[in-house]
Amino acid sequence: MNTTQLTQKSINKPTFKRTLMTSMIVLSLGGVSVAAQAQTQQQKEIEQLRQEVQALRNMVEQQKVQTTQTATALAEVQRPAPVTSNPVMKTAKGAEFNLYGNVRFDGSYQMEGTSRDLPYNHINAVALKGNSENSDRLRSTLAATRLGLDFKTQAADQEVKGKIEVDFLGGSNFDNLRIRHAYVNYGNWLLGQTWSNFAVPDYMPESIDALALVGGAVKRTPQVRHTTKFSPQTNLVVAAEDPKDSTVNQRLPALTARLNHQFADNFNISARAMGHEKRVNNDEEMAWGVGLGAKYDVVPGTTLKADYYHVKGDSSFVSFTNSGVAVTNLNNGAITANSRIAAQSEFDSITVGLTQQFNEKLRGTVGYGYMTFDEDQNYIDALADKTKANKDLWQAWANVFYSPTKPLSFGLEYVYGEREAFAPATVNGSKTGEDNRINAVAIYNF
């Protein structure tokens, strides 16, 4: 090996080392650079992820606020409005009261029968065939329009409630203001005028006619009444009533009793009794009567009603009856000093009907009523006009009621009935009178 080669080797050896070290440094620095770049990229990704999470969080918060606002607005829409239709009003004495009533238009087209110019039922007095009949007649009235007031106040530890209600069906032609109800309730006591405790309308099939049909009763009397509750299902109501019987000299009130019982949610009955002294001068007779009513919901929306009466000697409670007593020696129908009781009338009556609620706006009823009187010859002989007293009465009817909105109701009804008098008419010998008509009603309740 020569000197040149040795020198070259000497020179190349450190050079190689330096080169190798340099390469290692470069590689090391390159690795550090790559690691640094990777770390920087990772930090960028983490920062971007943080920004996205924050953006998502902001979106969630914003959506939550919007949802809360929407729910609040929806709740405001769905929340029931304060009751303002019946504002609480007070009298000068501090009693709270509510005003209510209706405007009612009644119309009737009489195809056959009537002898009176009235839009309401008077089957007991329709003309006998061929005798002063007023057929093919249209009649209308607003006399059944009502105005009422319910009130209550506190007296000591008891609440006092009351009602005043009037319409315009007073007078002989049914065109005068009259009191329907006027009474006060205090605890179990009632004092005033309301439905008779004996002749209740609860079990009559529904009719458009404001005066009811055969077998029904719409009697309101001044009375003192007490109710005793034996259980939530059973109560007894007793009353002293003034039936205002103009055919006698009344000196004592009628005594009535009514036992109500509910067998189930869909079945109610009412058993009733009545007693009343009939007095004409020194003649005295006892009038009495019993009644039984039932209401049965056959299925939801279908209701059966029935009411039965047997009465002797009274005409002041049940509608469309003969005079309770036949009185002799009258002066134009008025009692004289020589008047006396010749005999008492006695009758049975029944009414039954089925009501179907087709939907919340439409319902209909079919009904039948029948009344028959005993043929007491003493009673018949004492009558001044035997054609005005009846042996039998009956009516059948069918109606529909339509309520498009809550305050409004419209009804249409067909009625057919007959009466048979004790004696025939002098004109053609007919004993039968006919009632054949169509009733209509429109009611706005407020």
Protein backbone atom coordinates (compact mmCIF):
# COMPACT_ATOMS: atom_id res chain seq x y z
CA MET A 1 0.00 0.00 0.00
CA ASN A 2 1.46 3.28 -1.02
CA THR A 3 1.38 6.55 0.68
CA THR A 4 -1.30 7.90 -1.59
CA GLN A 5 -3.66 5.09 -0.80
CA LEU A 6 -3.03 5.48 2.89
CA THR A 7 -3.64 9.13 2.70
CA GLN A 8 -6.81 8.54 0.76
CA LYS A 9 -7.98 6.06 3.31
CA SER A 10 -7.12 8.45 6.04
CA ILE A 11 -9.04 11.12 4.34
CA ASN A 12 -12.10 8.95 3.40
CA LYS A 13 -12.59 7.39 6.78
CA PRO A 14 -13.54 10.52 8.67
CA THR A 15 -15.43 11.74 5.70
CA PHE A 16 -17.54 8.61 5.72
CA LYS A 17 -18.16 9.05 9.42
CA ARG A 18 -19.14 12.61 8.96
CA THR A 19 -21.37 11.67 6.10
CA LEU A 20 -22.92 8.96 8.16
CA MET A 21 -23.43 11.26 11.11
CA THR A 22 -24.80 13.93 8.87
CA SER A 23 -27.24 11.49 7.38
CA MET A 24 -28.30 10.35 10.79
CA ILE A 25 -28.78 13.93 11.91
CA VAL A 26 -30.77 14.70 8.79
CA LEU A 27 -32.85 11.59 9.29
CA SER A 28 -33.29 12.48 12.93
CA LEU A 29 -34.27 15.99 12.09
CA GLY A 30 -36.53 14.68 9.36
CA GLY A 31 -38.20 12.39 11.86
CA VAL A 32 -38.57 15.23 14.26
CA SER A 33 -40.00 17.36 11.48
CA VAL A 34 -42.44 14.64 10.46
CA ALA A 35 -43.46 14.11 14.07
CA ALA A 36 -43.90 17.82 14.54
CA GLN A 37 -45.99 18.07 11.37
CA ALA A 38 -48.11 15.13 12.51
CA GLN A 39 -48.60 16.71 15.89
CA THR A 40 -49.55 20.02 14.29
CA GLN A 41 -52.05 18.27 11.99
CA GLN A 42 -53.53 16.43 14.95
CA GLN A 43 -53.90 19.69 16.86
CA LYS A 44 -55.63 21.24 13.87
CA GLU A 45 -58.03 18.30 13.66
CA ILE A 46 -58.71 18.47 17.38
CA GLU A 47 -59.35 22.21 17.14
CA GLN A 48 -61.67 21.67 14.16
CA LEU A 49 -63.49 18.96 16.07
CA ARG A 50 -63.87 21.32 19.03
CA GLN A 51 -65.29 24.00 16.75
CA GLU A 52 -67.73 21.49 15.22
CA VAL A 53 -68.80 20.28 18.67
CA GLN A 54 -69.30 23.88 19.80
CA ALA A 55 -71.27 24.63 16.64
CA LEU A 56 -73.40 21.54 17.26
CA ARG A 57 -73.90 22.58 20.87
CA ASN A 58 -74.98 26.05 19.75
CA MET A 59 -77.44 24.47 17.31
CA VAL A 60 -78.86 22.24 20.06
CA GLU A 61 -79.25 25.21 22.40
CA GLN A 62 -80.94 27.22 19.67
CA GLN A 63 -83.27 24.34 18.84
CA LYS A 64 -84.09 23.95 22.53
CA VAL A 65 -85.02 27.62 22.78
CA GLN A 66 -87.18 27.37 19.65
CA THR A 67 -88.89 24.23 20.95
CA THR A 68 -89.61 25.91 24.28
CA GLN A 69 -91.03 28.95 22.52
CA THR A 70 -93.19 26.76 20.25
CA ALA A 71 -94.46 24.70 23.17
CA THR A 72 -95.26 27.85 25.10
CA ALA A 73 -97.14 29.32 22.17
CA LEU A 74 -99.03 26.05 21.63
CA ALA A 75 -99.91 25.89 25.31
CA GLU A 76 -101.27 29.41 25.13
CA VAL A 77 -103.45 28.41 22.19
CA GLN A 78 -104.70 25.21 23.83
CA ARG A 79 -105.24 26.63 27.31
CA PRO A 80 -109.01 27.10 28.00
CA ALA A 81 -110.10 30.69 27.93
CA PRO A 82 -111.41 32.16 31.16
CA VAL A 83 -115.15 31.59 31.59
CA THR A 84 -116.76 34.87 30.68
CA SER A 85 -120.09 33.70 29.20
CA ASN A 86 -121.69 33.62 32.64
CA PRO A 87 -120.03 36.37 34.63
CA VAL A 88 -120.70 36.39 38.33
CA MET A 89 -123.07 39.23 39.12
CA LYS A 90 -124.21 40.36 42.53
CA THR A 91 -127.33 41.96 43.91
CA ALA A 92 -127.31 44.93 46.26
CA LYS A 93 -127.54 42.46 49.17
CA GLY A 94 -124.51 40.49 47.96
CA ALA A 95 -126.26 37.45 46.44
CA GLU A 96 -124.57 36.01 43.35
CA PHE A 97 -126.80 35.40 40.34
CA ASN A 98 -126.76 34.27 36.72
CA LEU A 99 -129.19 35.32 34.02
CA TYR A 100 -130.41 32.78 31.46
CA GLY A 101 -133.29 32.18 29.08
CA ASN A 102 -134.29 31.60 25.50
CA VAL A 103 -136.11 33.08 22.57
CA ARG A 104 -138.60 30.49 21.31
CA PHE A 105 -140.70 30.52 18.15
CA ASP A 106 -143.53 27.95 17.93
CA GLY A 107 -145.53 27.20 14.84
CA SER A 108 -148.39 24.75 14.21
CA TYR A 109 -150.32 23.72 11.13
CA GLN A 110 -153.68 22.20 12.11
CA MET A 111 -154.87 19.88 9.38
CA GLU A 112 -157.94 18.65 11.27
CA GLY A 113 -159.79 19.30 14.44
CA THR A 114 -159.25 22.29 16.66
CA SER A 115 -161.96 24.64 17.87
CA ARG A 116 -159.57 27.18 19.42
CA ASP A 117 -157.05 29.48 17.82
CA LEU A 118 -154.06 28.10 19.71
CA PRO A 119 -150.72 26.64 18.57
CA TYR A 120 -150.56 24.27 21.57
CA ASN A 121 -152.22 21.02 22.55
CA HIS A 122 -155.81 20.98 23.80
CA ILE A 123 -156.85 17.47 22.79
CA ASN A 124 -159.51 17.38 25.54
CA ALA A 125 -161.41 20.22 23.87
CA VAL A 126 -160.94 19.71 20.12
CA ALA A 127 -164.15 20.10 18.13
CA LEU A 128 -166.25 17.04 17.46
CA LYS A 129 -166.26 16.15 13.78
CA GLY A 130 -168.45 18.48 11.80
CA ASN A 131 -168.96 20.90 14.69
CA SER A 132 -167.15 24.25 14.39
CA GLU A 133 -163.86 22.70 13.32
CA ASN A 134 -161.06 25.10 12.35
CA SER A 135 -159.00 22.89 10.06
CA ASP A 136 -156.22 23.92 7.68
CA ARG A 137 -155.03 26.67 10.00
CA LEU A 138 -151.52 28.01 10.54
CA ARG A 139 -150.68 29.41 13.97
CA SER A 140 -147.49 30.81 15.49
CA THR A 141 -146.37 32.41 18.73
CA LEU A 142 -143.34 33.43 20.80
CA ALA A 143 -145.24 33.16 24.09
CA ALA A 144 -143.06 30.30 25.36
CA THR A 145 -139.99 32.58 25.38
CA ARG A 146 -138.39 32.40 28.84
CA LEU A 147 -136.30 34.57 31.10
CA GLY A 148 -134.75 33.19 34.27
CA LEU A 149 -132.51 34.04 37.20
CA ASP A 150 -130.57 31.60 39.41
CA PHE A 151 -129.09 33.00 42.60
CA LYS A 152 -127.25 31.88 45.71
CA THR A 153 -125.94 33.40 48.90
CA GLN A 154 -124.48 32.27 52.20
CA ALA A 155 -126.61 32.32 55.35
CA ALA A 156 -124.75 31.23 58.49
CA ASP A 157 -123.36 27.76 57.67
CA GLN A 158 -125.92 27.04 54.92
CA GLU A 159 -126.05 28.06 51.28
CA VAL A 160 -129.34 29.54 50.12
CA LYS A 161 -130.27 28.95 46.48
CA GLY A 162 -133.20 30.18 44.49
CA LYS A 163 -134.75 30.60 41.08
CA ILE A 164 -137.09 33.03 39.36
CA GLU A 165 -138.31 32.12 35.87
CA VAL A 166 -141.06 33.66 33.73
CA ASP A 167 -142.58 33.21 30.29
CA PHE A 168 -145.54 34.70 28.40
CA LEU A 169 -147.97 31.78 28.46
CA GLY A 170 -150.33 33.32 31.00
CA GLY A 171 -153.96 34.26 30.54
CA SER A 172 -156.76 32.49 28.70
CA ASN A 173 -155.15 33.14 25.32
CA PHE A 174 -151.61 32.34 26.50
CA ASP A 175 -150.21 35.78 25.78
CA ASN A 176 -149.55 37.29 29.25
CA LEU A 177 -146.47 37.29 31.46
CA ARG A 178 -146.62 34.54 34.09
CA ILE A 179 -144.43 33.03 36.80
CA ARG A 180 -143.12 29.56 35.98
CA HIS A 181 -140.78 29.08 38.93
CA ALA A 182 -140.12 31.24 41.97
CA TYR A 183 -138.63 29.45 44.97
CA VAL A 184 -135.88 29.35 47.60
CA ASN A 185 -133.88 26.29 48.71
CA TYR A 186 -132.42 26.19 52.20
CA GLY A 187 -130.85 22.88 53.20
CA ASN A 188 -133.48 20.17 52.67
CA TRP A 189 -136.34 22.67 52.46
CA LEU A 190 -137.93 24.35 49.47
CA LEU A 191 -140.44 27.21 49.68
CA GLY A 192 -142.11 28.69 46.62
CA GLN A 193 -143.54 27.66 43.27
CA THR A 194 -142.06 24.94 41.08
CA TRP A 195 -143.00 21.57 39.56
CA SER A 196 -145.62 19.72 41.56
CA ASN A 197 -144.24 16.98 43.75
CA PHE A 198 -146.97 14.68 42.42
CA ALA A 199 -147.21 15.56 38.72
CA VAL A 200 -143.54 15.69 37.72
CA PRO A 201 -142.53 16.06 34.03
CA ASP A 202 -139.35 13.96 34.37
CA TYR A 203 -140.86 10.82 32.86
CA MET A 204 -142.77 12.32 29.93
CA PRO A 205 -141.45 11.47 26.45
CA GLU A 206 -140.02 14.55 24.77
CA SER A 207 -142.43 16.67 22.76
CA ILE A 208 -142.24 19.99 20.94
CA ASP A 209 -145.57 21.07 22.43
CA ALA A 210 -144.99 23.47 25.32
CA LEU A 211 -148.11 22.22 27.13
CA ALA A 212 -147.28 18.49 26.77
CA LEU A 213 -149.45 15.74 25.28
CA VAL A 214 -151.93 13.21 26.69
CA GLY A 215 -150.75 11.46 29.84
CA GLY A 216 -148.30 14.20 30.77
CA ALA A 217 -148.37 16.92 33.38
CA VAL A 218 -146.73 20.35 33.46
CA LYS A 219 -148.18 21.54 36.76
CA ARG A 220 -146.33 24.07 38.90
CA THR A 221 -147.73 24.83 42.36
CA PRO A 222 -146.92 27.02 45.38
CA GLN A 223 -145.61 24.58 47.98
CA VAL A 224 -143.53 23.84 51.04
CA ARG A 225 -141.34 20.81 50.44
CA HIS A 226 -138.90 18.72 52.44
CA THR A 227 -136.45 16.15 51.11
CA THR A 228 -135.07 13.24 53.15
CA LYS A 229 -132.09 11.36 51.76
CA PHE A 230 -131.89 7.72 52.81
CA SER A 231 -128.91 7.00 50.55
CA PRO A 232 -127.29 8.45 47.44
CA GLN A 233 -129.74 6.35 45.44
CA THR A 234 -132.95 6.89 47.43
CA ASN A 235 -134.82 9.92 48.72
CA LEU A 236 -138.31 10.83 49.89
CA VAL A 237 -139.90 14.19 49.09
CA VAL A 238 -143.05 15.34 50.92
CA ALA A 239 -144.89 18.57 50.25
CA ALA A 240 -147.94 20.65 51.08
CA GLU A 241 -149.16 22.17 47.81
CA ASP A 242 -151.76 24.65 46.67
CA PRO A 243 -153.18 23.15 43.44
CA LYS A 244 -155.42 26.19 42.91
CA ASP A 245 -158.51 24.13 42.11
CA SER A 246 -161.13 26.70 41.11
CA THR A 247 -163.94 24.11 41.03
CA VAL A 248 -164.10 23.88 44.85
CA ASN A 249 -163.89 26.01 47.99
CA GLN A 250 -160.39 25.10 49.02
CA ARG A 251 -159.51 25.26 52.71
CA LEU A 252 -156.61 22.79 53.00
CA PRO A 253 -153.50 22.20 50.88
CA ALA A 254 -152.93 19.01 48.96
CA LEU A 255 -150.47 16.61 50.58
CA THR A 256 -148.07 14.85 48.21
CA ALA A 257 -145.25 12.34 48.60
CA ARG A 258 -142.68 11.11 46.10
CA LEU A 259 -140.18 8.28 46.56
CA ASN A 260 -137.29 8.33 44.10
CA HIS A 261 -134.90 5.43 43.63
CA GLN A 262 -132.02 4.75 41.27
CA PHE A 263 -131.48 1.03 40.68
CA ALA A 264 -128.46 1.58 38.44
CA ASP A 265 -126.83 4.35 36.47
CA ASN A 266 -129.32 3.72 33.66
CA PHE A 267 -132.57 3.01 35.58
CA ASN A 268 -134.65 5.43 37.69
CA ILE A 269 -138.17 5.14 39.11
CA SER A 270 -140.51 7.45 41.01
CA ALA A 271 -143.55 6.38 43.05
CA ARG A 272 -145.97 9.17 44.01
CA ALA A 273 -149.13 9.74 46.03
CA MET A 274 -151.54 12.65 46.50
CA GLY A 275 -154.49 13.48 48.77
CA HIS A 276 -156.67 16.60 48.77
CA GLU A 277 -159.97 17.59 50.32
CA LYS A 278 -162.60 18.83 47.86
CA ARG A 279 -165.17 21.03 49.54
CA VAL A 280 -168.27 22.72 48.11
CA ASN A 281 -170.24 24.50 50.83
CA ASN A 282 -170.91 21.70 53.35
CA ASP A 283 -170.15 18.82 50.97
CA GLU A 284 -166.73 17.24 51.42
CA GLU A 285 -165.04 14.53 49.36
CA MET A 286 -161.50 13.24 49.44
CA ALA A 287 -159.56 13.27 46.19
CA TRP A 288 -156.57 11.01 45.85
CA GLY A 289 -154.13 9.73 43.29
CA VAL A 290 -151.06 7.57 42.71
CA GLY A 291 -148.40 7.73 40.05
CA LEU A 292 -145.45 5.67 38.88
CA GLY A 293 -142.74 6.84 36.50
CA ALA A 294 -139.68 5.11 35.05
CA LYS A 295 -136.71 6.10 32.93
CA TYR A 296 -134.43 3.45 31.44
CA ASP A 297 -131.37 3.92 29.22
CA VAL A 298 -131.65 0.78 27.10
CA VAL A 299 -128.23 1.38 25.52
CA PRO A 300 -126.15 4.56 25.42
CA GLY A 301 -128.15 7.06 23.39
CA THR A 302 -131.47 5.19 23.61
CA THR A 303 -133.85 6.16 26.43
CA LEU A 304 -137.25 4.69 27.32
CA LYS A 305 -139.66 6.74 29.46
CA ALA A 306 -143.05 5.79 30.91
CA ASP A 307 -145.46 7.47 33.35
CA TYR A 308 -148.74 6.19 34.82
CA TYR A 309 -151.47 7.90 36.93
CA HIS A 310 -154.65 6.76 38.62
CA VAL A 311 -156.60 9.68 40.09
CA LYS A 312 -160.04 10.10 41.61
CA GLY A 313 -161.79 13.41 42.23
CA ASP A 314 -159.06 15.79 41.03
CA SER A 315 -158.34 17.69 37.82
CA SER A 316 -155.71 20.13 39.07
CA PHE A 317 -152.53 18.06 38.70
CA VAL A 318 -152.61 15.92 35.53
CA SER A 319 -153.29 17.77 32.28
CA PHE A 320 -156.30 17.36 29.94
CA THR A 321 -158.63 15.70 32.48
CA ASN A 322 -162.36 16.08 33.04
CA SER A 323 -163.40 18.21 36.02
CA GLY A 324 -162.51 16.37 39.23
CA VAL A 325 -165.98 16.87 40.71
CA ALA A 326 -169.36 17.42 39.12
CA VAL A 327 -171.05 20.29 40.94
CA THR A 328 -174.78 21.03 40.78
CA ASN A 329 -176.59 24.39 40.98
CA LEU A 330 -173.84 26.48 39.41
CA ASN A 331 -174.36 30.04 38.18
CA ASN A 332 -172.47 30.38 34.89
CA GLY A 333 -169.95 27.93 36.23
CA ALA A 334 -169.61 29.66 39.60
CA ILE A 335 -170.45 28.00 42.92
CA THR A 336 -173.61 29.24 44.60
CA ALA A 337 -175.02 28.78 48.09
CA ASN A 338 -177.04 25.80 46.82
CA SER A 339 -174.16 24.08 45.05
CA ARG A 340 -173.15 20.59 46.08
CA ILE A 341 -170.88 17.78 44.93
CA ALA A 342 -172.82 15.27 42.83
CA ALA A 343 -169.98 12.86 41.97
CA GLN A 344 -166.25 12.53 41.37
CA SER A 345 -164.40 11.76 38.18
CA GLU A 346 -161.93 8.85 38.07
CA PHE A 347 -159.35 8.10 35.39
CA ASP A 348 -156.25 6.18 34.39
CA SER A 349 -153.57 7.59 32.12
CA ILE A 350 -150.30 6.40 30.68
CA THR A 351 -147.65 7.86 28.43
CA VAL A 352 -144.67 6.00 26.98
CA GLY A 353 -141.95 7.00 24.54
CA LEU A 354 -138.55 6.15 23.14
CA THR A 355 -135.86 8.76 22.45
CA GLN A 356 -132.87 8.03 20.20
CA GLN A 357 -129.78 10.24 20.20
CA PHE A 358 -128.42 9.69 16.70
CA ASN A 359 -125.39 11.93 17.19
CA GLU A 360 -124.44 15.00 19.21
CA LYS A 361 -126.61 17.22 16.97
CA LEU A 362 -129.63 15.04 16.12
CA ARG A 363 -132.17 13.16 18.24
CA GLY A 364 -135.72 11.91 17.79
CA THR A 365 -138.67 10.63 19.85
CA VAL A 366 -141.74 8.52 19.22
CA GLY A 367 -144.45 8.61 21.90
CA TYR A 368 -147.97 7.54 22.78
CA GLY A 369 -150.38 8.77 25.45
CA TYR A 370 -153.76 7.41 26.55
CA MET A 371 -156.33 8.52 29.12
CA THR A 372 -159.60 6.76 29.99
CA PHE A 373 -162.37 7.91 32.38
CA ASP A 374 -164.87 5.84 34.35
CA GLU A 375 -168.44 6.09 33.09
CA ASP A 376 -170.06 7.08 36.36
CA GLN A 377 -173.68 7.84 35.48
CA ASN A 378 -174.15 10.14 38.45
CA TYR A 379 -171.18 12.16 37.27
CA ILE A 380 -172.40 12.22 33.65
CA ASP A 381 -175.94 13.23 34.63
CA ALA A 382 -174.65 16.17 36.68
CA LEU A 383 -172.77 17.67 33.72
CA ALA A 384 -174.34 20.68 32.05
CA ASP A 385 -172.71 19.89 28.66
CA LYS A 386 -171.84 16.22 28.26
CA THR A 387 -170.08 16.79 24.93
CA LYS A 388 -167.31 18.68 26.80
CA ALA A 389 -166.44 15.71 29.03
CA ASN A 390 -164.48 12.80 27.64
CA LYS A 391 -164.62 9.05 27.87
CA ASP A 392 -161.24 8.48 26.16
CA LEU A 393 -158.31 10.52 24.89
CA TRP A 394 -155.24 9.39 22.98
CA GLN A 395 -152.35 10.91 21.03
CA ALA A 396 -149.35 9.56 19.14
CA TRP A 397 -146.41 11.64 18.00
CA ALA A 398 -142.99 11.55 16.38
CA ASN A 399 -140.41 14.32 16.33
CA VAL A 400 -136.82 15.21 15.51
CA PHE A 401 -134.61 17.87 17.10
CA TYR A 402 -131.55 19.25 15.34
CA SER A 403 -128.94 21.43 17.11
CA PRO A 404 -126.33 22.65 14.61
CA THR A 405 -124.58 24.66 17.33
CA LYS A 406 -124.98 24.74 21.09
CA PRO A 407 -127.28 27.80 21.40
CA LEU A 408 -129.60 26.81 18.54
CA SER A 409 -132.17 24.05 18.31
CA PHE A 410 -134.82 23.27 15.69
CA GLY A 411 -137.63 20.75 15.96
CA LEU A 412 -140.32 19.24 13.80
CA GLU A 413 -143.16 17.03 15.07
CA TYR A 414 -146.22 15.21 13.76
CA VAL A 415 -149.14 14.60 16.15
CA TYR A 416 -152.32 12.63 15.65
CA GLY A 417 -154.95 12.05 18.34
CA GLU A 418 -158.64 11.62 19.06
CA ARG A 419 -161.11 12.27 21.84
CA GLU A 420 -164.39 10.47 22.49
CA ALA A 421 -167.01 12.47 24.40
CA PHE A 422 -169.59 11.07 26.82
CA ALA A 423 -172.41 12.37 24.60
CA PRO A 424 -172.77 12.97 20.85
CA ALA A 425 -172.96 16.38 19.26
CA THR A 426 -176.44 17.63 18.39
CA VAL A 427 -175.49 18.61 14.83
CA ASN A 428 -174.52 15.24 13.36
CA GLY A 429 -174.37 12.84 16.30
CA SER A 430 -170.58 12.60 16.31
CA LYS A 431 -168.88 11.69 19.58
CA THR A 432 -165.32 11.87 18.22
CA GLY A 433 -162.98 14.80 17.80
CA GLU A 434 -159.72 14.66 15.85
CA ASP A 435 -156.36 16.32 16.36
CA ASN A 436 -154.12 16.12 13.29
CA ARG A 437 -151.28 18.64 13.08
CA ILE A 438 -147.62 19.43 12.52
CA ASN A 439 -145.61 21.37 15.11
CA ALA A 440 -142.34 23.23 14.57
CA VAL A 441 -140.05 25.10 16.94
CA ALA A 442 -136.90 27.21 16.79
CA ILE A 443 -135.05 28.02 20.03
CA TYR A 444 -132.09 30.25 20.80
CA ASN A 445 -130.73 29.66 24.32
CA PHE A 446 -128.66 32.28 26.11
